[in-house]
Every structure is written in C-alpha cells, then in structure tokens.
C-alpha cells in the first residue's frame, strides 16, 4: 500500500466528523510497530543471520533472539545498536526507528549526534562507544 502524507492524515483526523470514520480512513496508514517483523524483514533484505547482526550490534544472543522472536521489545538504544549490526544507513535507521514506534535520531541531541556521525561513517559499535565514552555519555555496551 502506498504511504499517505503525514500532514494529510493529521488533517483528516482533525476534520473528521466522527471517530469511527477517522479511524477507518487512517488505520491503513498507521505504523505497525511489531518490532520483530521489521527486524526479520531486514535479515532477509540484507541476507544476514541473527547471530552476525547480534555480534556486530554488541547484543547478547539470549536477549537478541528474544527481540527477533517478538518475546521482548528492544528499547530505542538497542534498536539503534541493531541497525548498526545490520549496517543500515542513517535513513534506513531512522525508518526502522519510526516504524518501531521510536523517535528518529535527532542531530541536536548530543548522544544522537555522535551516533549519527558514527552511522554516517559506518563505524562499528565499539568505535561509536569510544566516541560516546570520550564525551562522557552512555555507551551501547
């Protein structure tokens, strides 16, 4: 299904005469934040294994497999780590975050800015952690 512009969805919600009509018009375009589905889609797109993605993301296999199986929902920080494990671009990372119900990386936020820098240069999770540590910020691992 083709995506509908966010502004148009907002406009139709604000102008709707009743809730059910608004809901039926917008529901096909709402985000499916079933994280495991999005993660498994990326496995197929990138032709990777869960183990390889988890090693590159610095996430333990026990926890990581629960994310892929839908038994646990990863927090935003772990979603970003997974995107690094998948070697996603910044745009792909932001799309994954958005579709999973998280805020996109924001360049005015210090932690996010460092992560954006790292992703843009295809740095490893360890290299990004080093930059975060040097700035006195929370690291991934």
Protein backbone atom coordinates (compact mmCIF):
# COMPACT_ATOMS: atom_id res chain seq x y z
CA UNK A 1 0.00 0.00 0.00
CA UNK A 2 1.23 3.46 -0.84
CA UNK A 3 2.07 5.69 2.12
CA UNK A 4 -0.13 8.68 2.76
CA UNK A 5 1.43 12.02 3.63
CA UNK A 6 1.52 12.61 7.41
CA UNK A 7 0.08 16.10 7.07
CA UNK A 8 -2.89 14.72 5.13
CA UNK A 9 -3.50 12.10 7.81
CA UNK A 10 -3.34 14.75 10.52
CA UNK A 11 -5.74 16.96 8.58
CA UNK A 12 -8.27 14.14 8.10
CA UNK A 13 -8.12 13.27 11.82
CA UNK A 14 -8.69 16.87 12.86
CA UNK A 15 -11.57 17.40 10.42
CA UNK A 16 -13.35 14.06 10.88
CA UNK A 17 -17.00 14.21 11.93
CA UNK A 18 -16.82 11.03 13.99
CA UNK A 19 -14.18 8.80 15.47
CA UNK A 20 -15.01 5.61 13.54
CA UNK A 21 -14.82 7.38 10.17
CA UNK A 22 -11.49 8.95 11.09
CA UNK A 23 -10.14 5.64 12.33
CA UNK A 24 -11.17 3.70 9.25
CA UNK A 25 -9.62 6.35 6.97
CA UNK A 26 -6.28 6.47 8.78
CA UNK A 27 -5.81 2.90 10.03
CA UNK A 28 -4.34 1.52 6.79
CA UNK A 29 -1.59 4.13 7.03
CA UNK A 30 -0.68 3.80 10.70
CA UNK A 31 2.63 2.37 11.81
CA UNK A 32 2.83 -1.34 12.56
CA UNK A 33 5.25 -1.25 15.45
CA UNK A 34 5.68 -5.02 15.59
CA UNK A 35 9.42 -4.77 16.03
CA UNK A 36 10.24 -8.42 15.39
CA UNK A 37 8.61 -8.21 11.96
CA UNK A 38 10.78 -5.24 10.99
CA UNK A 39 13.93 -6.90 12.30
CA UNK A 40 13.24 -10.11 10.42
CA UNK A 41 12.46 -8.14 7.26
CA UNK A 42 15.95 -6.60 7.49
CA UNK A 43 17.51 -10.04 7.92
CA UNK A 44 16.02 -11.01 4.57
CA UNK A 45 16.85 -7.70 2.85
CA UNK A 46 20.48 -7.79 3.99
CA UNK A 47 20.83 -11.59 3.70
CA UNK A 48 22.30 -11.80 7.22
CA UNK A 49 21.95 -14.17 10.14
CA UNK A 50 20.65 -13.18 13.56
CA UNK A 51 23.96 -14.21 15.12
CA UNK A 52 26.01 -11.99 12.83
CA UNK A 53 23.77 -8.97 13.42
CA UNK A 54 23.84 -9.52 17.18
CA UNK A 55 27.64 -9.82 17.28
CA UNK A 56 28.03 -6.61 15.27
CA UNK A 57 25.49 -4.83 17.47
CA UNK A 58 27.04 -5.90 20.77
CA UNK A 59 23.82 -7.52 21.99
CA UNK A 60 23.90 -10.90 23.72
CA UNK A 61 22.37 -13.74 21.75
CA UNK A 62 19.92 -14.63 24.51
CA UNK A 63 18.44 -11.13 24.58
CA UNK A 64 18.78 -10.57 20.84
CA UNK A 65 16.93 -13.72 19.88
CA UNK A 66 14.05 -12.59 22.10
CA UNK A 67 13.91 -9.36 20.09
CA UNK A 68 13.79 -11.25 16.79
CA UNK A 69 11.20 -13.71 18.15
CA UNK A 70 8.95 -10.96 19.50
CA UNK A 71 9.24 -12.11 23.10
CA UNK A 72 10.78 -8.80 24.13
CA UNK A 73 10.69 -5.35 22.58
CA UNK A 74 14.08 -3.70 22.43
CA UNK A 75 14.43 -0.17 23.80
CA UNK A 76 15.41 2.61 21.39
CA UNK A 77 19.13 2.31 22.18
CA UNK A 78 19.10 -1.42 21.33
CA UNK A 79 17.17 -0.73 18.10
CA UNK A 80 19.91 1.68 17.10
CA UNK A 81 22.56 -0.92 18.00
CA UNK A 82 20.72 -3.46 15.85
CA UNK A 83 20.64 -1.00 12.96
CA UNK A 84 24.42 -0.72 13.30
CA UNK A 85 24.61 -4.51 13.31
CA UNK A 86 22.59 -4.55 10.09
CA UNK A 87 24.88 -1.83 8.68
CA UNK A 88 21.89 0.35 7.87
CA UNK A 89 22.29 3.85 6.52
CA UNK A 90 21.12 6.79 8.60
CA UNK A 91 17.92 6.99 6.56
CA UNK A 92 17.27 3.26 6.98
CA UNK A 93 17.97 3.53 10.71
CA UNK A 94 15.51 6.39 11.10
CA UNK A 95 12.89 4.49 9.13
CA UNK A 96 13.36 1.42 11.34
CA UNK A 97 13.08 3.57 14.47
CA UNK A 98 9.96 5.32 13.19
CA UNK A 99 8.26 2.09 12.13
CA UNK A 100 9.06 0.57 15.54
CA UNK A 101 7.44 3.48 17.36
CA UNK A 102 10.64 5.30 18.41
CA UNK A 103 11.90 8.81 17.79
CA UNK A 104 14.32 9.19 14.92
CA UNK A 105 17.91 10.18 15.59
CA UNK A 106 17.96 13.92 16.23
CA UNK A 107 21.13 15.88 15.42
CA UNK A 108 20.51 18.49 18.13
CA UNK A 109 20.66 15.79 20.83
CA UNK A 110 24.30 15.25 21.82
CA UNK A 111 24.11 11.43 22.11
CA UNK A 112 22.16 11.14 18.87
CA UNK A 113 24.61 13.46 17.06
CA UNK A 114 27.53 11.17 17.90
CA UNK A 115 25.57 8.11 16.77
CA UNK A 116 24.60 9.89 13.54
CA UNK A 117 28.27 10.66 12.94
CA UNK A 118 29.19 7.00 13.53
CA UNK A 119 26.45 5.57 11.36
CA UNK A 120 27.26 8.00 8.56
CA UNK A 121 30.86 6.79 8.59
CA UNK A 122 29.93 3.12 9.02
CA UNK A 123 31.79 2.89 12.33
CA UNK A 124 31.48 -0.24 14.42
CA UNK A 125 29.57 -0.30 17.68
CA UNK A 126 32.91 -0.32 19.54
CA UNK A 127 34.12 2.75 17.66
CA UNK A 128 30.89 4.63 18.36
CA UNK A 129 31.08 3.57 22.01
CA UNK A 130 34.56 5.04 22.21
CA UNK A 131 33.29 8.39 20.93
CA UNK A 132 30.38 8.32 23.37
CA UNK A 133 32.70 7.43 26.25
CA UNK A 134 35.07 10.29 25.37
CA UNK A 135 32.11 12.67 25.64
CA UNK A 136 31.04 11.21 28.99
CA UNK A 137 27.83 9.80 27.54
CA UNK A 138 26.11 6.44 27.96
CA UNK A 139 27.62 3.80 25.69
CA UNK A 140 25.89 0.92 23.93
CA UNK A 141 27.84 -1.82 25.71
